[in-house]
């Protein structure tokens, strides 16, 4: 619970709300009128819903299969390569980015949109330089095989099927 409250909720709700309060940059539908504003708000709502769904699924998989959390202080004990992880290596970040982008569309906030860009840039740096080398050290060849077959950011169309472990099909 602590890692969920401290990480995704902090990034998607607390920081976004603080930016809105500080900058007063709230213009629902980006200040556009009529159906264009409605389209932006509806698109934002779809992105938020999809992002939240992806975040919840990811958190559940990390707890159930990974036997850990998304937090660096409580990492998973097992490599998770099921569900959305069969399509993309960072579904949690994809979910968070979808929520942030959706919020910026709904609220018409340049501050939240800028925060989304900063969050993306931070992860474009952190994941390949820190997270992935740590996963390679912890999970060895299993992670390297996974990394070679599943893209970091752009989802595979067809889910990757990890090879069966020796003795699994006997």
N, C-alpha and C. Protein backbone atom coordinates (compact mmCIF):
# COMPACT_ATOMS: atom_id res chain seq x y z
N UNK A 1 0.83 -1.19 0.00
CA UNK A 1 0.00 0.00 0.00
C UNK A 1 0.87 1.26 0.00
N UNK A 2 1.95 1.22 0.79
CA UNK A 2 2.83 2.38 0.87
C UNK A 2 3.45 2.71 -0.48
N UNK A 3 3.90 1.68 -1.22
CA UNK A 3 4.52 1.95 -2.52
C UNK A 3 3.51 2.48 -3.53
N UNK A 4 2.26 2.01 -3.45
CA UNK A 4 1.23 2.51 -4.36
C UNK A 4 0.92 3.97 -4.04
N UNK A 5 0.81 4.28 -2.76
CA UNK A 5 0.51 5.66 -2.38
C UNK A 5 1.69 6.59 -2.67
N UNK A 6 2.89 6.11 -2.44
CA UNK A 6 4.05 6.97 -2.61
C UNK A 6 4.45 7.17 -4.06
N UNK A 7 4.22 6.21 -4.91
CA UNK A 7 4.71 6.34 -6.28
C UNK A 7 3.61 6.74 -7.27
N UNK A 8 2.77 5.82 -7.75
CA UNK A 8 1.80 6.23 -8.78
C UNK A 8 0.82 7.31 -8.32
N UNK A 9 0.32 7.22 -7.09
CA UNK A 9 -0.64 8.23 -6.62
C UNK A 9 0.06 9.58 -6.48
N UNK A 10 1.28 9.58 -6.01
CA UNK A 10 2.04 10.83 -5.90
C UNK A 10 2.23 11.46 -7.28
N UNK A 11 2.63 10.64 -8.25
CA UNK A 11 2.93 11.14 -9.59
C UNK A 11 1.67 11.60 -10.32
N UNK A 12 0.60 10.82 -10.23
CA UNK A 12 -0.59 11.12 -11.03
C UNK A 12 -1.60 12.04 -10.35
N UNK A 13 -1.61 12.07 -9.03
CA UNK A 13 -2.63 12.86 -8.34
C UNK A 13 -2.04 14.02 -7.54
N UNK A 14 -1.15 13.72 -6.63
CA UNK A 14 -0.66 14.75 -5.71
C UNK A 14 0.12 15.84 -6.45
N UNK A 15 1.07 15.44 -7.28
CA UNK A 15 1.87 16.43 -7.99
C UNK A 15 1.02 17.20 -8.99
N UNK A 16 0.14 16.50 -9.72
CA UNK A 16 -0.75 17.18 -10.66
C UNK A 16 -1.63 18.20 -9.93
N UNK A 17 -2.21 17.82 -8.80
CA UNK A 17 -3.06 18.74 -8.03
C UNK A 17 -2.25 19.94 -7.52
N UNK A 18 -1.05 19.67 -7.03
CA UNK A 18 -0.20 20.77 -6.54
C UNK A 18 0.14 21.74 -7.67
N UNK A 19 0.43 21.21 -8.85
CA UNK A 19 0.72 22.08 -10.00
C UNK A 19 -0.49 22.93 -10.37
N UNK A 20 -1.66 22.33 -10.34
CA UNK A 20 -2.88 23.08 -10.66
C UNK A 20 -3.13 24.18 -9.64
N UNK A 21 -2.95 23.87 -8.36
CA UNK A 21 -3.16 24.87 -7.32
C UNK A 21 -2.14 26.01 -7.42
N UNK A 22 -0.93 25.66 -7.76
CA UNK A 22 0.14 26.66 -7.82
C UNK A 22 0.04 27.53 -9.08
N UNK A 23 -0.30 26.93 -10.21
CA UNK A 23 -0.24 27.66 -11.48
C UNK A 23 -1.60 28.19 -11.94
N UNK A 24 -2.67 27.67 -11.38
CA UNK A 24 -4.02 28.06 -11.82
C UNK A 24 -4.17 27.89 -13.33
N UNK A 25 -3.58 26.81 -13.86
CA UNK A 25 -3.59 26.59 -15.30
C UNK A 25 -4.71 25.66 -15.75
N UNK A 26 -5.85 25.76 -15.11
CA UNK A 26 -6.98 24.89 -15.41
C UNK A 26 -7.87 25.52 -16.49
N UNK A 27 -7.96 24.85 -17.64
CA UNK A 27 -8.83 25.27 -18.74
C UNK A 27 -9.44 24.01 -19.36
N UNK A 28 -10.49 23.46 -18.74
CA UNK A 28 -11.06 22.22 -19.27
C UNK A 28 -11.25 22.27 -20.79
N UNK A 29 -10.80 21.18 -21.43
CA UNK A 29 -10.88 21.12 -22.89
C UNK A 29 -9.98 22.12 -23.58
N UNK A 30 -8.97 22.58 -22.87
CA UNK A 30 -7.99 23.56 -23.38
C UNK A 30 -8.65 24.88 -23.79
N UNK A 31 -9.78 25.17 -23.17
CA UNK A 31 -10.46 26.43 -23.45
C UNK A 31 -11.18 26.45 -24.78
N UNK A 32 -11.21 25.33 -25.46
CA UNK A 32 -11.92 25.26 -26.74
C UNK A 32 -13.42 25.15 -26.46
N UNK A 33 -14.22 25.41 -27.46
CA UNK A 33 -15.66 25.35 -27.23
C UNK A 33 -16.27 24.16 -27.96
N UNK A 34 -17.44 23.80 -27.49
CA UNK A 34 -18.25 22.81 -28.16
C UNK A 34 -17.66 21.42 -28.26
N UNK A 35 -17.85 20.83 -29.44
CA UNK A 35 -17.51 19.42 -29.64
C UNK A 35 -16.01 19.16 -29.59
N UNK A 36 -15.19 20.15 -29.95
CA UNK A 36 -13.74 19.95 -29.89
C UNK A 36 -13.28 19.79 -28.44
N UNK A 37 -13.80 20.63 -27.57
CA UNK A 37 -13.48 20.50 -26.14
C UNK A 37 -13.99 19.16 -25.62
N UNK A 38 -15.21 18.79 -26.03
CA UNK A 38 -15.77 17.50 -25.61
C UNK A 38 -14.93 16.33 -26.07
N UNK A 39 -14.41 16.42 -27.28
CA UNK A 39 -13.56 15.36 -27.81
C UNK A 39 -12.26 15.23 -27.01
N UNK A 40 -11.65 16.36 -26.67
CA UNK A 40 -10.42 16.33 -25.86
C UNK A 40 -10.70 15.75 -24.48
N UNK A 41 -11.80 16.17 -23.87
CA UNK A 41 -12.15 15.67 -22.54
C UNK A 41 -12.47 14.18 -22.59
N UNK A 42 -13.21 13.74 -23.60
CA UNK A 42 -13.53 12.31 -23.74
C UNK A 42 -12.27 11.48 -23.99
N UNK A 43 -11.38 11.99 -24.85
CA UNK A 43 -10.12 11.29 -25.10
C UNK A 43 -9.30 11.20 -23.82
N UNK A 44 -9.27 12.29 -23.07
CA UNK A 44 -8.56 12.29 -21.79
C UNK A 44 -9.14 11.28 -20.82
N UNK A 45 -10.47 11.19 -20.78
CA UNK A 45 -11.12 10.23 -19.87
C UNK A 45 -10.78 8.79 -20.25
N UNK A 46 -10.75 8.51 -21.55
CA UNK A 46 -10.37 7.17 -22.02
C UNK A 46 -8.92 6.86 -21.62
N UNK A 47 -8.04 7.84 -21.81
CA UNK A 47 -6.63 7.64 -21.43
C UNK A 47 -6.47 7.41 -19.93
N UNK A 48 -7.19 8.18 -19.11
CA UNK A 48 -7.12 8.00 -17.66
C UNK A 48 -7.63 6.61 -17.28
N UNK A 49 -8.76 6.21 -17.83
CA UNK A 49 -9.33 4.88 -17.51
C UNK A 49 -8.38 3.76 -17.94
N UNK A 50 -7.84 3.87 -19.15
CA UNK A 50 -6.91 2.83 -19.63
C UNK A 50 -5.65 2.81 -18.78
N UNK A 51 -5.13 3.98 -18.45
CA UNK A 51 -3.93 4.06 -17.64
C UNK A 51 -4.12 3.49 -16.24
N UNK A 52 -5.25 3.82 -15.62
CA UNK A 52 -5.54 3.29 -14.28
C UNK A 52 -5.69 1.77 -14.32
N UNK A 53 -6.36 1.27 -15.36
CA UNK A 53 -6.52 -0.19 -15.51
C UNK A 53 -5.15 -0.86 -15.63
N UNK A 54 -4.30 -0.30 -16.46
CA UNK A 54 -2.95 -0.85 -16.64
C UNK A 54 -2.15 -0.79 -15.34
N UNK A 55 -2.26 0.31 -14.63
CA UNK A 55 -1.54 0.45 -13.35
C UNK A 55 -2.00 -0.59 -12.34
N UNK A 56 -3.31 -0.78 -12.21
CA UNK A 56 -3.86 -1.75 -11.25
C UNK A 56 -3.42 -3.17 -11.61
N UNK A 57 -3.52 -3.52 -12.89
CA UNK A 57 -3.09 -4.86 -13.33
C UNK A 57 -1.61 -5.07 -13.05
N UNK A 58 -0.81 -4.06 -13.34
CA UNK A 58 0.63 -4.18 -13.14
C UNK A 58 0.97 -4.35 -11.66
N UNK A 59 0.36 -3.54 -10.82
CA UNK A 59 0.62 -3.63 -9.37
C UNK A 59 0.22 -5.02 -8.86
N UNK A 60 -0.92 -5.53 -9.32
CA UNK A 60 -1.38 -6.86 -8.88
C UNK A 60 -0.40 -7.95 -9.33
N UNK A 61 0.08 -7.87 -10.57
CA UNK A 61 1.03 -8.87 -11.06
C UNK A 61 2.36 -8.81 -10.30
N UNK A 62 2.82 -7.61 -10.02
CA UNK A 62 4.07 -7.47 -9.27
C UNK A 62 3.94 -8.08 -7.88
N UNK A 63 2.78 -7.90 -7.25
CA UNK A 63 2.57 -8.46 -5.91
C UNK A 63 2.39 -9.97 -5.96
N UNK A 64 1.51 -10.43 -6.87
CA UNK A 64 1.14 -11.85 -6.90
C UNK A 64 2.24 -12.73 -7.47
N UNK A 65 2.75 -12.38 -8.64
CA UNK A 65 3.75 -13.22 -9.30
C UNK A 65 5.17 -12.80 -8.93
N UNK A 66 5.39 -11.49 -8.90
CA UNK A 66 6.73 -10.99 -8.60
C UNK A 66 7.10 -11.06 -7.14
N UNK A 67 6.10 -11.20 -6.27
CA UNK A 67 6.33 -11.25 -4.82
C UNK A 67 7.09 -10.02 -4.34
N UNK A 68 6.63 -8.84 -4.83
CA UNK A 68 7.24 -7.58 -4.43
C UNK A 68 6.37 -6.44 -4.92
N UNK A 69 6.98 -5.27 -5.03
CA UNK A 69 6.24 -4.09 -5.46
C UNK A 69 7.02 -3.36 -6.55
N UNK A 70 6.45 -2.26 -7.01
CA UNK A 70 7.11 -1.42 -7.98
C UNK A 70 8.17 -0.53 -7.33
N UNK A 71 8.20 -0.49 -6.04
CA UNK A 71 9.12 0.38 -5.32
C UNK A 71 10.53 -0.19 -5.28
N UNK A 72 11.53 0.65 -5.49
CA UNK A 72 12.92 0.17 -5.43
C UNK A 72 13.30 -0.40 -4.06
N UNK A 73 12.64 0.04 -2.99
CA UNK A 73 12.97 -0.47 -1.66
C UNK A 73 12.29 -1.80 -1.35
N UNK A 74 11.39 -2.26 -2.23
CA UNK A 74 10.72 -3.56 -2.07
C UNK A 74 10.55 -4.21 -3.44
N UNK A 75 11.68 -4.54 -4.10
CA UNK A 75 11.60 -5.04 -5.48
C UNK A 75 11.03 -6.45 -5.55
N UNK A 76 10.61 -6.81 -6.73
CA UNK A 76 10.07 -8.15 -6.94
C UNK A 76 11.15 -9.21 -6.75
N UNK A 77 10.72 -10.37 -6.33
CA UNK A 77 11.62 -11.51 -6.16
C UNK A 77 11.66 -12.37 -7.41
N UNK A 78 10.62 -12.28 -8.21
CA UNK A 78 10.50 -13.07 -9.44
C UNK A 78 10.31 -12.13 -10.62
N UNK A 79 10.87 -12.50 -11.77
CA UNK A 79 10.69 -11.74 -12.99
C UNK A 79 9.27 -11.95 -13.50
N UNK A 80 8.56 -10.87 -13.76
CA UNK A 80 7.17 -10.94 -14.24
C UNK A 80 7.17 -10.79 -15.76
N UNK A 81 6.70 -11.83 -16.45
CA UNK A 81 6.66 -11.81 -17.92
C UNK A 81 5.30 -12.32 -18.41
N UNK A 82 4.24 -11.94 -17.71
CA UNK A 82 2.88 -12.32 -18.08
C UNK A 82 2.03 -11.06 -18.24
N UNK A 83 0.80 -11.25 -18.74
CA UNK A 83 -0.13 -10.13 -18.87
C UNK A 83 0.45 -9.03 -19.75
N UNK A 84 0.32 -7.78 -19.34
CA UNK A 84 0.83 -6.68 -20.17
C UNK A 84 2.34 -6.72 -20.35
N UNK A 85 3.05 -7.40 -19.46
CA UNK A 85 4.50 -7.53 -19.59
C UNK A 85 4.90 -8.37 -20.79
N UNK A 86 3.98 -9.09 -21.38
CA UNK A 86 4.28 -9.85 -22.60
C UNK A 86 4.29 -8.95 -23.83
N UNK A 87 3.78 -7.73 -23.68
CA UNK A 87 3.72 -6.78 -24.79
C UNK A 87 4.73 -5.65 -24.67
N UNK A 88 4.99 -5.20 -23.44
CA UNK A 88 5.88 -4.06 -23.22
C UNK A 88 6.55 -4.23 -21.86
N UNK A 89 7.83 -3.82 -21.79
CA UNK A 89 8.58 -4.05 -20.55
C UNK A 89 8.21 -3.10 -19.41
N UNK A 90 7.60 -1.97 -19.72
CA UNK A 90 7.30 -0.97 -18.69
C UNK A 90 5.83 -0.57 -18.68
N UNK A 91 4.92 -1.54 -18.46
CA UNK A 91 3.51 -1.18 -18.50
C UNK A 91 3.09 -0.21 -17.39
N UNK A 92 3.76 -0.24 -16.25
CA UNK A 92 3.41 0.71 -15.18
C UNK A 92 3.68 2.14 -15.65
N UNK A 93 4.83 2.37 -16.25
CA UNK A 93 5.16 3.70 -16.73
C UNK A 93 4.20 4.10 -17.85
N UNK A 94 3.86 3.15 -18.73
CA UNK A 94 2.88 3.43 -19.78
C UNK A 94 1.54 3.85 -19.17
N UNK A 95 1.11 3.17 -18.13
CA UNK A 95 -0.13 3.51 -17.45
C UNK A 95 -0.08 4.89 -16.82
N UNK A 96 1.00 5.19 -16.13
CA UNK A 96 1.15 6.50 -15.50
C UNK A 96 1.15 7.60 -16.56
N UNK A 97 1.88 7.39 -17.64
CA UNK A 97 1.92 8.39 -18.71
C UNK A 97 0.54 8.59 -19.34
N UNK A 98 -0.23 7.51 -19.51
CA UNK A 98 -1.58 7.64 -20.05
C UNK A 98 -2.47 8.47 -19.11
N UNK A 99 -2.35 8.21 -17.81
CA UNK A 99 -3.14 8.99 -16.83
C UNK A 99 -2.74 10.46 -16.89
N UNK A 100 -1.45 10.74 -16.88
CA UNK A 100 -1.00 12.13 -16.91
C UNK A 100 -1.43 12.86 -18.18
N UNK A 101 -1.27 12.19 -19.32
CA UNK A 101 -1.69 12.81 -20.58
C UNK A 101 -3.20 13.03 -20.58
N UNK A 102 -3.94 12.04 -20.08
CA UNK A 102 -5.39 12.18 -19.98
C UNK A 102 -5.79 13.34 -19.09
N UNK A 103 -5.11 13.47 -17.94
CA UNK A 103 -5.39 14.60 -17.05
C UNK A 103 -5.14 15.93 -17.75
N UNK A 104 -4.03 16.00 -18.49
CA UNK A 104 -3.72 17.28 -19.15
C UNK A 104 -4.76 17.60 -20.22
N UNK A 105 -5.29 16.59 -20.92
CA UNK A 105 -6.33 16.83 -21.91
C UNK A 105 -7.64 17.26 -21.26
N UNK A 106 -8.01 16.60 -20.19
CA UNK A 106 -9.27 16.92 -19.49
C UNK A 106 -9.19 18.32 -18.88
N UNK A 107 -8.08 18.60 -18.20
CA UNK A 107 -7.96 19.84 -17.45
C UNK A 107 -7.46 21.02 -18.29
N UNK A 108 -6.89 20.72 -19.45
CA UNK A 108 -6.34 21.79 -20.27
C UNK A 108 -5.20 22.51 -19.55
N UNK A 109 -4.35 21.75 -18.90
CA UNK A 109 -3.30 22.32 -18.07
C UNK A 109 -1.93 22.17 -18.71
N UNK A 110 -1.29 23.30 -19.01
CA UNK A 110 0.08 23.25 -19.53
C UNK A 110 1.04 22.76 -18.44
N UNK A 111 0.72 23.05 -17.18
CA UNK A 111 1.58 22.60 -16.09
C UNK A 111 1.57 21.07 -16.00
N UNK A 112 0.40 20.45 -16.10
CA UNK A 112 0.32 18.98 -16.04
C UNK A 112 0.95 18.38 -17.29
N UNK A 113 0.76 19.01 -18.43
CA UNK A 113 1.39 18.52 -19.66
C UNK A 113 2.92 18.60 -19.55
N UNK A 114 3.43 19.69 -18.98
CA UNK A 114 4.88 19.81 -18.76
C UNK A 114 5.38 18.75 -17.79
N UNK A 115 4.62 18.50 -16.72
CA UNK A 115 4.96 17.46 -15.76
C UNK A 115 5.01 16.10 -16.45
N UNK A 116 4.07 15.85 -17.36
CA UNK A 116 4.05 14.60 -18.13
C UNK A 116 5.35 14.46 -18.92
N UNK A 117 5.76 15.53 -19.59
CA UNK A 117 7.01 15.51 -20.36
C UNK A 117 8.22 15.28 -19.48
N UNK A 118 8.26 15.93 -18.32
CA UNK A 118 9.37 15.75 -17.39
C UNK A 118 9.41 14.31 -16.88
N UNK A 119 8.25 13.76 -16.53
CA UNK A 119 8.18 12.38 -16.05
C UNK A 119 8.67 11.41 -17.12
N UNK A 120 8.28 11.64 -18.37
CA UNK A 120 8.74 10.80 -19.48
C UNK A 120 10.25 10.89 -19.63
N UNK A 121 10.79 12.10 -19.64
CA UNK A 121 12.25 12.26 -19.79
C UNK A 121 13.01 11.61 -18.64
N UNK A 122 12.50 11.76 -17.43
CA UNK A 122 13.16 11.13 -16.27
C UNK A 122 13.21 9.62 -16.44
N UNK A 123 12.12 9.02 -16.91
CA UNK A 123 12.09 7.56 -17.09
C UNK A 123 12.88 7.11 -18.30
N UNK A 124 12.94 7.94 -19.34
CA UNK A 124 13.78 7.62 -20.50
C UNK A 124 15.25 7.54 -20.09
N UNK A 125 15.61 8.24 -19.04
CA UNK A 125 16.98 8.21 -18.52
C UNK A 125 17.15 7.12 -17.47
N UNK A 126 16.27 7.09 -16.47
CA UNK A 126 16.41 6.19 -15.34
C UNK A 126 16.33 4.71 -15.74
N UNK A 127 15.35 4.37 -16.56
CA UNK A 127 15.11 2.94 -16.85
C UNK A 127 16.31 2.28 -17.53
N UNK A 128 16.85 2.83 -18.63
CA UNK A 128 17.99 2.14 -19.25
C UNK A 128 19.28 2.25 -18.45
N UNK A 129 19.46 3.32 -17.69
CA UNK A 129 20.72 3.51 -16.98
C UNK A 129 20.75 2.85 -15.60
N UNK A 130 19.61 2.72 -14.94
CA UNK A 130 19.59 2.20 -13.57
C UNK A 130 18.75 0.92 -13.45
N UNK A 131 17.48 1.01 -13.86
CA UNK A 131 16.58 -0.12 -13.63
C UNK A 131 16.96 -1.37 -14.42
N UNK A 132 17.20 -1.23 -15.71
CA UNK A 132 17.50 -2.41 -16.53
C UNK A 132 18.81 -3.09 -16.15
N UNK A 133 19.90 -2.37 -15.87
CA UNK A 133 21.09 -3.07 -15.41
C UNK A 133 20.85 -3.82 -14.09
N UNK A 134 20.03 -3.24 -13.20
CA UNK A 134 19.70 -3.91 -11.95
C UNK A 134 18.90 -5.19 -12.18
N UNK A 135 17.96 -5.14 -13.11
CA UNK A 135 17.18 -6.34 -13.45
C UNK A 135 18.06 -7.41 -14.07
N UNK A 136 19.00 -7.00 -14.91
CA UNK A 136 19.92 -7.96 -15.52
C UNK A 136 20.78 -8.64 -14.46
N UNK A 137 21.23 -7.89 -13.45
CA UNK A 137 22.02 -8.48 -12.36
C UNK A 137 21.16 -9.44 -11.54
N UNK A 138 19.92 -9.06 -11.24
CA UNK A 138 19.06 -9.88 -10.38
C UNK A 138 18.53 -11.12 -11.07
N UNK A 139 18.17 -11.01 -12.37
CA UNK A 139 17.49 -12.11 -13.03
C UNK A 139 18.29 -12.75 -14.16
N UNK A 140 19.49 -12.22 -14.45
CA UNK A 140 20.41 -12.85 -15.39
C UNK A 140 19.87 -13.08 -16.79
N UNK A 141 20.13 -14.29 -17.29
CA UNK A 141 19.76 -14.63 -18.67
C UNK A 141 18.25 -14.57 -18.92
N UNK A 142 17.45 -14.86 -17.91
CA UNK A 142 15.99 -14.78 -18.08
C UNK A 142 15.59 -13.35 -18.46
N UNK A 143 16.16 -12.37 -17.77
CA UNK A 143 15.84 -10.98 -18.10
C UNK A 143 16.42 -10.58 -19.46
N UNK A 144 17.63 -11.02 -19.75
CA UNK A 144 18.24 -10.67 -21.04
C UNK A 144 17.42 -11.23 -22.21
N UNK A 145 16.90 -12.45 -22.07
CA UNK A 145 16.04 -13.03 -23.10
C UNK A 145 14.75 -12.22 -23.23
N UNK A 146 14.16 -11.89 -22.11
CA UNK A 146 12.94 -11.08 -22.09
C UNK A 146 13.20 -9.72 -22.76
N UNK A 147 14.28 -9.08 -22.38
CA UNK A 147 14.64 -7.76 -22.92
C UNK A 147 14.86 -7.82 -24.43
N UNK A 148 15.43 -8.91 -24.91
CA UNK A 148 15.68 -9.06 -26.35
C UNK A 148 14.39 -9.27 -27.15
N UNK A 149 13.32 -9.67 -26.48
CA UNK A 149 12.08 -10.01 -27.19
C UNK A 149 10.91 -9.07 -26.95
N UNK A 150 10.98 -8.26 -25.90
CA UNK A 150 9.86 -7.38 -25.56
C UNK A 150 10.39 -5.95 -25.52
N UNK A 151 9.77 -5.05 -26.29
CA UNK A 151 10.25 -3.67 -26.34
C UNK A 151 10.03 -2.92 -25.03
N UNK A 152 10.88 -1.95 -24.81
CA UNK A 152 10.81 -1.14 -23.59
C UNK A 152 9.56 -0.27 -23.57
N UNK A 153 9.25 0.40 -24.67
CA UNK A 153 8.18 1.40 -24.66
C UNK A 153 7.04 1.11 -25.62
N UNK A 154 7.34 0.73 -26.85
CA UNK A 154 6.28 0.55 -27.84
C UNK A 154 5.81 -0.89 -27.78
N UNK A 155 4.55 -1.16 -27.45
CA UNK A 155 4.09 -2.54 -27.24
C UNK A 155 4.17 -3.41 -28.49
N UNK A 156 4.51 -4.65 -28.26
CA UNK A 156 4.44 -5.67 -29.32
C UNK A 156 2.97 -5.89 -29.65
N UNK A 157 2.72 -6.12 -30.89
CA UNK A 157 1.35 -6.43 -31.30
C UNK A 157 0.92 -7.80 -30.76
N UNK A 158 1.77 -8.79 -31.00
CA UNK A 158 1.50 -10.15 -30.54
C UNK A 158 2.28 -10.38 -29.23
N UNK A 159 1.60 -10.93 -28.26
CA UNK A 159 2.23 -11.18 -26.96
C UNK A 159 3.41 -12.13 -27.10
N UNK A 160 4.51 -11.80 -26.43
CA UNK A 160 5.69 -12.67 -26.41
C UNK A 160 5.39 -13.88 -25.55
N UNK A 161 5.80 -15.03 -26.04
CA UNK A 161 5.62 -16.28 -25.30
C UNK A 161 6.99 -16.73 -24.80
N UNK A 162 7.24 -16.64 -23.50
CA UNK A 162 8.54 -17.10 -22.99
C UNK A 162 8.69 -18.60 -23.20
N UNK A 163 9.92 -19.05 -23.43
CA UNK A 163 10.12 -20.50 -23.60
C UNK A 163 9.79 -21.24 -22.32
N UNK A 164 9.32 -22.45 -22.46
CA UNK A 164 8.99 -23.27 -21.31
C UNK A 164 10.27 -23.62 -20.55
N UNK A 165 10.17 -23.63 -19.25
CA UNK A 165 11.30 -24.03 -18.41
C UNK A 165 11.54 -25.52 -18.60
N UNK A 166 12.79 -25.97 -18.46
CA UNK A 166 13.07 -27.41 -18.59
C UNK A 166 12.18 -28.23 -17.65
N UNK A 167 11.58 -29.26 -18.18
CA UNK A 167 10.73 -30.13 -17.40
C UNK A 167 9.29 -29.63 -17.27
N UNK A 168 9.00 -28.44 -17.80
CA UNK A 168 7.66 -27.87 -17.66
C UNK A 168 6.63 -28.59 -18.53
N UNK A 169 7.05 -29.08 -19.69
CA UNK A 169 6.12 -29.74 -20.61
C UNK A 169 6.17 -31.27 -20.51
N UNK A 170 6.80 -31.77 -19.52
CA UNK A 170 6.93 -33.23 -19.40
C UNK A 170 5.81 -33.83 -18.60
